[in-house]
Amino acid sequence: MWRSPVIATFGTAAFSSWTPASTPGGSSGGSAAAVAAGMVPIAHGADGLGSLRIPAASWGLVTLKPGRGIVPAELGVEAWYGMSENGILATTGRTWHSATPYWT
């Protein structure tokens, strides 16, 4: 499980229900925690430098950082110098694909 210092600026941090001393990592960690806990089947996240991929790897979820311009976003053309993309976290590849039919 990804280990990182916990800084809860706007409230409480997301922790693993299996390993309470660990966080899911990345800014989309709360979304990953909700999907992994079964609260929702899919969740939105944004990935610039791993904010989708790190939580997905930590929680055993499925995600993909789509290529630039694939997912319409109001992130701005120069958001993170074009590196930041919207994406989806899901429990299975089938669930992920059902939420992204126009990508493939």
C-alpha atoms as a PDB file:
ATOM      1  CA  MET A   1       0.000   0.000   0.000  1.00  0.00           C
ATOM      2  CA  TRP A   2       1.265   3.469  -0.853  1.00  0.00           C
ATOM      3  CA  ARG A   3       2.543   5.269   2.216  1.00  0.00           C
ATOM      4  CA  SER A   4       2.580   9.016   2.347  1.00  0.00           C
ATOM      5  CA  PRO A   5       2.372  11.719   4.979  1.00  0.00           C
ATOM      6  CA  VAL A   6      -1.229  12.607   5.726  1.00  0.00           C
ATOM      7  CA  ILE A   7      -2.101  16.263   5.403  1.00  0.00           C
ATOM      8  CA  ALA A   8      -5.834  16.917   5.729  1.00  0.00           C
ATOM      9  CA  THR A   9      -6.276  20.505   4.638  1.00  0.00           C
ATOM     10  CA  PHE A  10     -10.035  20.461   4.058  1.00  0.00           C
ATOM     11  CA  GLY A  11     -11.158  17.785   6.508  1.00  0.00           C
ATOM     12  CA  THR A  12     -10.228  14.199   7.123  1.00  0.00           C
ATOM     13  CA  ALA A  13      -7.949  12.108   4.960  1.00  0.00           C
ATOM     14  CA  ALA A  14      -8.966   8.863   3.257  1.00  0.00           C
ATOM     15  CA  PHE A  15      -7.510   5.751   4.869  1.00  0.00           C
ATOM     16  CA  SER A  16      -7.536   2.107   3.907  1.00  0.00           C
ATOM     17  CA  SER A  17     -10.144   0.053   5.734  1.00  0.00           C
ATOM     18  CA  TRP A  18      -7.763  -2.914   5.462  1.00  0.00           C
ATOM     19  CA  THR A  19      -4.654  -1.053   6.600  1.00  0.00           C
ATOM     20  CA  PRO A  20      -5.701   2.003   8.651  1.00  0.00           C
ATOM     21  CA  ALA A  21      -2.133   3.314   8.796  1.00  0.00           C
ATOM     22  CA  SER A  22      -2.032   3.664   4.983  1.00  0.00           C
ATOM     23  CA  THR A  23      -3.566   6.171   2.614  1.00  0.00           C
ATOM     24  CA  PRO A  24      -4.503   5.540  -1.013  1.00  0.00           C
ATOM     25  CA  GLY A  25      -2.144   8.277  -2.183  1.00  0.00           C
ATOM     26  CA  GLY A  26      -2.754  10.839  -4.896  1.00  0.00           C
ATOM     27  CA  SER A  27      -5.302  13.623  -5.039  1.00  0.00           C
ATOM     28  CA  SER A  28      -7.957  11.168  -6.276  1.00  0.00           C
ATOM     29  CA  GLY A  29      -7.462   8.960  -3.206  1.00  0.00           C
ATOM     30  CA  GLY A  30     -10.894   9.782  -1.801  1.00  0.00           C
ATOM     31  CA  SER A  31     -12.530   8.688  -5.041  1.00  0.00           C
ATOM     32  CA  ALA A  32     -10.481   5.499  -5.001  1.00  0.00           C
ATOM     33  CA  ALA A  33     -11.463   4.804  -1.393  1.00  0.00           C
ATOM     34  CA  ALA A  34     -15.163   5.226  -2.253  1.00  0.00           C
ATOM     35  CA  VAL A  35     -14.927   2.780  -5.173  1.00  0.00           C
ATOM     36  CA  ALA A  36     -12.854   0.241  -3.226  1.00  0.00           C
ATOM     37  CA  ALA A  37     -15.303   0.376  -0.305  1.00  0.00           C
ATOM     38  CA  GLY A  38     -18.224  -0.318  -2.649  1.00  0.00           C
ATOM     39  CA  MET A  39     -19.883   3.036  -2.005  1.00  0.00           C
ATOM     40  CA  VAL A  40     -19.992   3.753  -5.763  1.00  0.00           C
ATOM     41  CA  PRO A  41     -19.196   1.594  -8.822  1.00  0.00           C
ATOM     42  CA  ILE A  42     -17.099   4.305 -10.532  1.00  0.00           C
ATOM     43  CA  ALA A  43     -15.663   7.664  -9.547  1.00  0.00           C
ATOM     44  CA  HIS A  44     -14.062  10.659 -11.229  1.00  0.00           C
ATOM     45  CA  GLY A  45     -10.476  11.629 -10.735  1.00  0.00           C
ATOM     46  CA  ALA A  46      -7.881  13.822 -12.379  1.00  0.00           C
ATOM     47  CA  ASP A  47      -4.355  12.710 -13.186  1.00  0.00           C
ATOM     48  CA  GLY A  48      -1.394  14.966 -13.727  1.00  0.00           C
ATOM     49  CA  LEU A  49       1.491  13.049 -12.204  1.00  0.00           C
ATOM     50  CA  GLY A  50      -0.197   9.848 -11.034  1.00  0.00           C
ATOM     51  CA  SER A  51      -3.262  11.010  -9.117  1.00  0.00           C
ATOM     52  CA  LEU A  52      -5.400   8.306 -10.754  1.00  0.00           C
ATOM     53  CA  ARG A  53      -2.768   5.633 -11.250  1.00  0.00           C
ATOM     54  CA  ILE A  54      -1.251   5.629  -7.752  1.00  0.00           C
ATOM     55  CA  PRO A  55      -4.588   5.229  -5.900  1.00  0.00           C
ATOM     56  CA  ALA A  56      -5.735   2.599  -8.412  1.00  0.00           C
ATOM     57  CA  ALA A  57      -2.575   0.589  -7.826  1.00  0.00           C
ATOM     58  CA  SER A  58      -2.892   1.019  -4.067  1.00  0.00           C
ATOM     59  CA  TRP A  59      -6.518  -0.127  -3.936  1.00  0.00           C
ATOM     60  CA  GLY A  60      -6.506  -2.758  -6.703  1.00  0.00           C
ATOM     61  CA  LEU A  61      -8.722  -0.708  -9.022  1.00  0.00           C
ATOM     62  CA  VAL A  62      -8.801  -0.143 -12.767  1.00  0.00           C
ATOM     63  CA  THR A  63      -8.019   3.208 -14.367  1.00  0.00           C
ATOM     64  CA  LEU A  64      -6.409   4.759 -17.387  1.00  0.00           C
ATOM     65  CA  LYS A  65      -4.896   8.170 -17.929  1.00  0.00           C
ATOM     66  CA  PRO A  66      -6.439   9.080 -21.272  1.00  0.00           C
ATOM     67  CA  GLY A  67      -4.429  10.928 -23.860  1.00  0.00           C
ATOM     68  CA  ARG A  68      -4.547  14.682 -24.122  1.00  0.00           C
ATOM     69  CA  GLY A  69      -7.900  15.919 -25.407  1.00  0.00           C
ATOM     70  CA  ILE A  70      -9.665  12.525 -25.273  1.00  0.00           C
ATOM     71  CA  VAL A  71     -11.913  13.502 -22.360  1.00  0.00           C
ATOM     72  CA  PRO A  72     -13.439  16.971 -22.558  1.00  0.00           C
ATOM     73  CA  ALA A  73     -12.217  18.957 -19.584  1.00  0.00           C
ATOM     74  CA  GLU A  74     -12.420  22.435 -18.218  1.00  0.00           C
ATOM     75  CA  LEU A  75      -8.927  22.035 -16.818  1.00  0.00           C
ATOM     76  CA  GLY A  76      -7.586  24.616 -19.231  1.00  0.00           C
ATOM     77  CA  VAL A  77      -5.206  24.106 -22.086  1.00  0.00           C
ATOM     78  CA  GLU A  78      -2.199  24.834 -19.932  1.00  0.00           C
ATOM     79  CA  ALA A  79      -3.336  23.068 -16.743  1.00  0.00           C
ATOM     80  CA  TRP A  80      -0.244  21.347 -15.418  1.00  0.00           C
ATOM     81  CA  TYR A  81       1.382  22.205 -18.757  1.00  0.00           C
ATOM     82  CA  GLY A  82      -1.112  19.934 -20.516  1.00  0.00           C
ATOM     83  CA  MET A  83      -0.327  16.900 -18.335  1.00  0.00           C
ATOM     84  CA  SER A  84      -3.554  16.836 -16.301  1.00  0.00           C
ATOM     85  CA  GLU A  85      -6.420  14.686 -17.607  1.00  0.00           C
ATOM     86  CA  ASN A  86      -9.821  13.634 -16.272  1.00  0.00           C
ATOM     87  CA  GLY A  87     -10.359   9.925 -15.811  1.00  0.00           C
ATOM     88  CA  ILE A  88     -12.409   7.226 -14.121  1.00  0.00           C
ATOM     89  CA  LEU A  89     -11.635   4.777 -11.322  1.00  0.00           C
ATOM     90  CA  ALA A  90     -13.559   1.477 -11.351  1.00  0.00           C
ATOM     91  CA  THR A  91     -13.548  -1.926  -9.667  1.00  0.00           C
ATOM     92  CA  THR A  92     -13.270  -3.963 -12.884  1.00  0.00           C
ATOM     93  CA  GLY A  93     -12.310  -3.462 -16.499  1.00  0.00           C
ATOM     94  CA  ARG A  94     -15.897  -4.207 -17.532  1.00  0.00           C
ATOM     95  CA  THR A  95     -17.253  -1.500 -15.218  1.00  0.00           C
ATOM     96  CA  TRP A  96     -14.618   0.947 -16.417  1.00  0.00           C
ATOM     97  CA  HIS A  97     -15.399   0.223 -20.074  1.00  0.00           C
ATOM     98  CA  SER A  98     -19.159   0.638 -19.542  1.00  0.00           C
ATOM     99  CA  ALA A  99     -18.488   4.161 -18.273  1.00  0.00           C
ATOM    100  CA  THR A 100     -16.199   5.062 -21.180  1.00  0.00           C
ATOM    101  CA  PRO A 101     -17.793   3.657 -24.367  1.00  0.00           C
ATOM    102  CA  TYR A 102     -16.816   6.630 -26.509  1.00  0.00           C
ATOM    103  CA  TRP A 103     -13.111   6.375 -25.628  1.00  0.00           C
ATOM    104  CA  THR A 104     -12.552   2.975 -27.219  1.00  0.00           C
END
